[in-house]
Protein backbone atom coordinates (compact mmCIF):
# COMPACT_ATOMS: atom_id res chain seq x y z
CA UNK A 1 29.80 13.75 63.81
CA UNK A 2 27.65 13.38 66.68
CA UNK A 3 28.67 16.38 68.32
CA UNK A 4 27.39 18.47 65.72
CA UNK A 5 24.10 16.63 65.55
CA UNK A 6 23.53 17.06 69.04
CA UNK A 7 20.86 19.58 70.25
CA UNK A 8 22.88 21.85 71.67
CA UNK A 9 24.15 22.59 68.19
CA UNK A 10 20.58 23.10 66.55
CA UNK A 11 20.38 26.87 67.10
CA UNK A 12 24.07 27.16 65.62
CA UNK A 13 22.63 24.93 62.13
CA UNK A 14 19.65 27.36 62.25
CA UNK A 15 22.14 30.41 62.36
CA UNK A 16 24.04 28.63 59.56
CA UNK A 17 21.10 28.92 57.11
CA UNK A 18 20.87 32.53 57.69
CA UNK A 19 23.10 33.44 54.93
CA UNK A 20 21.57 37.19 54.69
CA UNK A 21 22.48 37.97 58.46
CA UNK A 22 24.96 40.42 59.19
CA UNK A 23 27.08 38.23 61.62
CA UNK A 24 26.61 35.11 59.05
CA UNK A 25 30.32 35.66 57.43
CA UNK A 26 31.95 35.27 61.07
CA UNK A 27 29.85 32.19 61.67
CA UNK A 28 31.43 30.75 58.62
CA UNK A 29 34.97 31.87 59.14
CA UNK A 30 34.82 30.21 62.70
CA UNK A 31 33.28 26.88 61.40
CA UNK A 32 35.95 27.03 58.75
CA UNK A 33 38.55 27.32 61.35
CA UNK A 34 36.98 24.34 63.02
CA UNK A 35 37.33 22.24 60.00
CA UNK A 36 40.98 22.96 59.97
CA UNK A 37 41.60 21.89 63.27
CA UNK A 38 39.15 18.29 62.72
CA UNK A 39 40.71 15.38 62.04
CA UNK A 40 39.75 13.79 58.65
CA UNK A 41 36.76 11.76 60.23
CA UNK A 42 32.79 11.64 60.14
CA UNK A 43 32.59 15.06 62.02
CA UNK A 44 35.06 16.65 59.45
CA UNK A 45 32.92 15.11 56.49
CA UNK A 46 29.94 16.20 58.02
CA UNK A 47 30.92 19.64 58.70
CA UNK A 48 32.55 20.18 55.45
CA UNK A 49 29.68 18.91 53.63
CA UNK A 50 27.38 21.32 55.48
CA UNK A 51 29.81 24.24 54.85
CA UNK A 52 29.67 23.34 51.23
CA UNK A 53 25.77 23.44 50.82
CA UNK A 54 25.70 26.84 52.58
CA UNK A 55 28.66 28.08 50.25
CA UNK A 56 26.22 27.07 47.54
CA UNK A 57 23.04 28.40 49.16
CA UNK A 58 24.92 32.01 49.50
CA UNK A 59 26.05 31.68 45.83
CA UNK A 60 22.31 30.93 44.68
CA UNK A 61 20.92 33.89 46.89
CA UNK A 62 23.88 36.63 45.13
CA UNK A 63 23.08 35.11 41.64
CA UNK A 64 18.86 35.93 42.65
CA UNK A 65 19.43 39.23 43.98
CA UNK A 66 22.63 40.52 43.06
CA UNK A 67 21.98 44.15 44.62
CA UNK A 68 22.67 42.87 48.10
CA UNK A 69 26.05 41.47 47.03
CA UNK A 70 27.36 44.87 46.68
CA UNK A 71 27.05 45.41 50.28
CA UNK A 72 27.86 41.80 51.51
CA UNK A 73 31.09 40.99 53.21
CA UNK A 74 33.58 39.06 50.82
CA UNK A 75 33.39 35.32 51.05
CA UNK A 76 36.08 33.48 52.87
CA UNK A 77 38.80 32.76 50.65
CA UNK A 78 40.64 29.39 50.87
CA UNK A 79 43.84 30.59 50.38
CA UNK A 80 43.23 32.91 53.40
CA UNK A 81 42.24 30.29 55.43
CA UNK A 82 45.06 27.81 54.43
CA UNK A 83 47.80 30.55 55.25
CA UNK A 84 46.27 31.25 58.65
CA UNK A 85 45.94 27.48 59.72
CA UNK A 86 49.76 27.64 58.64
CA UNK A 87 50.77 30.44 60.64
CA UNK A 88 49.15 28.79 63.64
CA UNK A 89 50.47 25.46 62.93
CA UNK A 90 54.05 27.01 62.83
CA UNK A 91 53.56 29.24 65.88
CA UNK A 92 52.73 25.89 67.85
CA UNK A 93 55.54 24.28 66.27
CA UNK A 94 58.07 26.47 67.47
CA UNK A 95 56.22 27.02 70.86
CA UNK A 96 56.54 22.89 71.29
CA UNK A 97 60.18 23.05 70.12
CA UNK A 98 61.10 25.87 72.95
CA UNK A 99 59.26 23.46 75.45
CA UNK A 100 61.53 20.53 74.22
CA UNK A 101 64.28 22.66 74.52
CA UNK A 102 63.65 23.50 78.03
CA UNK A 103 63.14 20.16 79.29
CA UNK A 104 66.24 19.24 77.88
CA UNK A 105 68.01 21.92 79.64
CA UNK A 106 66.31 21.18 82.80
CA UNK A 107 67.45 17.42 82.45
CA UNK A 108 70.72 18.01 82.18
CA UNK A 109 71.55 19.65 85.21
CA UNK A 110 75.31 19.15 86.62
C-alpha cells in the first residue's frame, strides 16, 4: 500500500485519472496485470479500489458523452485478464517442474 502512495507514483496516479487519454487502456491493462500478481494485502486492496473508482469514472464519462465511446478502445474484460493470468501461471508451473526435473537428474549421478 505504501509503495503506490509514494511520491514516485504521483504521475502514475494522475495519469490514471485521465480516462480520455489514448494510452489509458494500456495503463489500466498493466495495472490490472499487476493487481493479479499482488498477494491479497493492503496494497492489493488499495490498487483494486483505485481501479474500481477509475472504471466507475470511465463509465460515467461514457454515459455523459456517448459519442466518444464509439471511438474508444474496448474495456478490459475480467475473463480475458483471468485467462491471461492462468496461462502465465501455467507457464511458470511448467518451467518450475522442468527445473525440478533437471535438478533431480543432476543429483542422481552414478
